[in-house]
Amino acid sequence: MGNSTLVEIESAVDVATTPIEAINAALLMTFGKDYILEHSIIGKRANKTTATVKSAYDQVVFAKLVKIWQTRFQGLTKSAITPKWHAVQST
């Protein structure tokens, strides 16, 4: 998983006080900013005005991150994670 170990990512998520903080930390530790900007969660175009379809994130890694976030923030759903993930991509 990228440049950081799973233990390092879990530790960063454990000290996060909000889901967006945890998602931001884990994404940057796992993928790096350039990779985040060049990929999408499922590999689809956000809208018809987007010129190209971005490659999808590795779904195995995505599933591991979701599990880490949901363990830290009980009740956090995938549908709640997606807009937070997009927020990280747009910053």
C-alpha atoms as a PDB file:
ATOM      1  CA  MET A   1       0.000   0.000   0.000  1.00  0.00           C
ATOM      2  CA  GLY A   2       1.983   2.960  -1.227  1.00  0.00           C
ATOM      3  CA  ASN A   3       4.821   4.463   0.782  1.00  0.00           C
ATOM      4  CA  SER A   4       3.312   3.877   4.245  1.00  0.00           C
ATOM      5  CA  THR A   5       2.667   0.615   6.021  1.00  0.00           C
ATOM      6  CA  LEU A   6      -0.783  -0.503   7.015  1.00  0.00           C
ATOM      7  CA  VAL A   7       0.155  -0.016  10.674  1.00  0.00           C
ATOM      8  CA  GLU A   8       1.249   3.582  10.000  1.00  0.00           C
ATOM      9  CA  ILE A   9      -2.002   4.311   8.178  1.00  0.00           C
ATOM     10  CA  GLU A  10      -4.092   2.759  10.958  1.00  0.00           C
ATOM     11  CA  SER A  11      -2.183   4.834  13.536  1.00  0.00           C
ATOM     12  CA  ALA A  12      -2.848   8.050  11.626  1.00  0.00           C
ATOM     13  CA  VAL A  13      -6.549   7.199  11.347  1.00  0.00           C
ATOM     14  CA  ASP A  14      -6.711   6.344  15.062  1.00  0.00           C
ATOM     15  CA  VAL A  15      -5.593   9.840  16.058  1.00  0.00           C
ATOM     16  CA  ALA A  16      -7.904  11.596  13.589  1.00  0.00           C
ATOM     17  CA  THR A  17     -10.794  13.393  15.234  1.00  0.00           C
ATOM     18  CA  THR A  18     -13.087  13.528  12.192  1.00  0.00           C
ATOM     19  CA  PRO A  19     -13.768  11.214   9.240  1.00  0.00           C
ATOM     20  CA  ILE A  20     -12.504  13.794   6.724  1.00  0.00           C
ATOM     21  CA  GLU A  21      -9.238  14.118   8.662  1.00  0.00           C
ATOM     22  CA  ALA A  22      -8.866  10.323   8.697  1.00  0.00           C
ATOM     23  CA  ILE A  23      -9.681   9.970   5.009  1.00  0.00           C
ATOM     24  CA  ASN A  24      -7.302  12.773   4.048  1.00  0.00           C
ATOM     25  CA  ALA A  25      -4.433  11.308   6.079  1.00  0.00           C
ATOM     26  CA  ALA A  26      -4.942   7.762   4.840  1.00  0.00           C
ATOM     27  CA  LEU A  27      -5.261   8.746   1.176  1.00  0.00           C
ATOM     28  CA  LEU A  28      -2.145  10.905   1.212  1.00  0.00           C
ATOM     29  CA  MET A  29      -0.174   8.234   3.064  1.00  0.00           C
ATOM     30  CA  THR A  30      -1.376   5.503   0.726  1.00  0.00           C
ATOM     31  CA  PHE A  31      -1.342   7.099  -2.707  1.00  0.00           C
ATOM     32  CA  GLY A  32       0.217  10.572  -2.747  1.00  0.00           C
ATOM     33  CA  LYS A  33      -1.371  13.725  -4.149  1.00  0.00           C
ATOM     34  CA  ASP A  34      -0.623  13.149  -7.853  1.00  0.00           C
ATOM     35  CA  TYR A  35      -2.109   9.650  -7.808  1.00  0.00           C
ATOM     36  CA  ILE A  36      -5.195  10.914  -5.964  1.00  0.00           C
ATOM     37  CA  LEU A  37      -5.794  13.597  -8.583  1.00  0.00           C
ATOM     38  CA  GLU A  38      -5.293  11.199 -11.495  1.00  0.00           C
ATOM     39  CA  HIS A  39      -7.690   8.462 -10.323  1.00  0.00           C
ATOM     40  CA  SER A  40     -11.323   8.026  -9.384  1.00  0.00           C
ATOM     41  CA  ILE A  41     -12.965   5.680  -6.905  1.00  0.00           C
ATOM     42  CA  ILE A  42     -14.558   3.448  -9.523  1.00  0.00           C
ATOM     43  CA  GLY A  43     -13.015   4.613 -12.795  1.00  0.00           C
ATOM     44  CA  LYS A  44     -16.008   6.449 -14.205  1.00  0.00           C
ATOM     45  CA  ARG A  45     -16.385   9.946 -15.526  1.00  0.00           C
ATOM     46  CA  ALA A  46     -17.792  12.377 -12.942  1.00  0.00           C
ATOM     47  CA  ASN A  47     -20.002  13.996 -15.560  1.00  0.00           C
ATOM     48  CA  LYS A  48     -20.333  14.197 -19.322  1.00  0.00           C
ATOM     49  CA  THR A  49     -18.252  17.386 -19.492  1.00  0.00           C
ATOM     50  CA  THR A  50     -15.183  15.607 -18.138  1.00  0.00           C
ATOM     51  CA  ALA A  51     -12.908  14.970 -21.108  1.00  0.00           C
ATOM     52  CA  THR A  52     -11.411  11.681 -19.985  1.00  0.00           C
ATOM     53  CA  VAL A  53     -12.266   8.800 -17.731  1.00  0.00           C
ATOM     54  CA  LYS A  54      -9.827   8.498 -14.841  1.00  0.00           C
ATOM     55  CA  SER A  55      -8.385   5.125 -13.918  1.00  0.00           C
ATOM     56  CA  ALA A  56      -9.934   3.478 -10.887  1.00  0.00           C
ATOM     57  CA  TYR A  57      -8.155   3.125  -7.565  1.00  0.00           C
ATOM     58  CA  ASP A  58      -7.079  -0.379  -6.664  1.00  0.00           C
ATOM     59  CA  GLN A  59     -10.329  -1.800  -5.254  1.00  0.00           C
ATOM     60  CA  VAL A  60      -8.523  -4.115  -2.814  1.00  0.00           C
ATOM     61  CA  VAL A  61      -6.728  -1.123  -1.301  1.00  0.00           C
ATOM     62  CA  PHE A  62      -9.965   0.879  -1.334  1.00  0.00           C
ATOM     63  CA  ALA A  63     -11.738  -1.899   0.598  1.00  0.00           C
ATOM     64  CA  LYS A  64      -8.927  -1.989   3.196  1.00  0.00           C
ATOM     65  CA  LEU A  65      -9.128   1.778   3.687  1.00  0.00           C
ATOM     66  CA  VAL A  66     -12.913   1.667   4.048  1.00  0.00           C
ATOM     67  CA  LYS A  67     -12.584  -1.024   6.707  1.00  0.00           C
ATOM     68  CA  ILE A  68      -9.994   1.053   8.607  1.00  0.00           C
ATOM     69  CA  TRP A  69     -12.233   4.153   8.487  1.00  0.00           C
ATOM     70  CA  GLN A  70     -15.334   2.229   9.507  1.00  0.00           C
ATOM     71  CA  THR A  71     -13.487   0.630  12.419  1.00  0.00           C
ATOM     72  CA  ARG A  72     -12.391   4.066  13.670  1.00  0.00           C
ATOM     73  CA  PHE A  73     -15.727   5.809  13.044  1.00  0.00           C
ATOM     74  CA  GLN A  74     -18.543   3.388  13.828  1.00  0.00           C
ATOM     75  CA  GLY A  75     -21.534   3.887  11.540  1.00  0.00           C
ATOM     76  CA  LEU A  76     -19.522   5.513   8.731  1.00  0.00           C
ATOM     77  CA  THR A  77     -20.977   4.230   5.462  1.00  0.00           C
ATOM     78  CA  LYS A  78     -19.417   3.956   2.013  1.00  0.00           C
ATOM     79  CA  SER A  79     -21.900   6.535   0.775  1.00  0.00           C
ATOM     80  CA  ALA A  80     -20.662   8.940   3.480  1.00  0.00           C
ATOM     81  CA  ILE A  81     -17.033   8.227   2.567  1.00  0.00           C
ATOM     82  CA  THR A  82     -17.389   9.040  -1.137  1.00  0.00           C
ATOM     83  CA  PRO A  83     -18.015  12.813  -0.818  1.00  0.00           C
ATOM     84  CA  LYS A  84     -15.201  13.082   1.722  1.00  0.00           C
ATOM     85  CA  TRP A  85     -12.888  11.247  -0.692  1.00  0.00           C
ATOM     86  CA  HIS A  86     -13.937  13.674  -3.450  1.00  0.00           C
ATOM     87  CA  ALA A  87     -13.232  16.607  -1.116  1.00  0.00           C
ATOM     88  CA  VAL A  88      -9.668  15.355  -0.669  1.00  0.00           C
ATOM     89  CA  GLN A  89      -9.307  15.087  -4.453  1.00  0.00           C
ATOM     90  CA  SER A  90     -10.397  18.688  -4.942  1.00  0.00           C
ATOM     91  CA  THR A  91      -8.029  20.226  -2.383  1.00  0.00           C
END
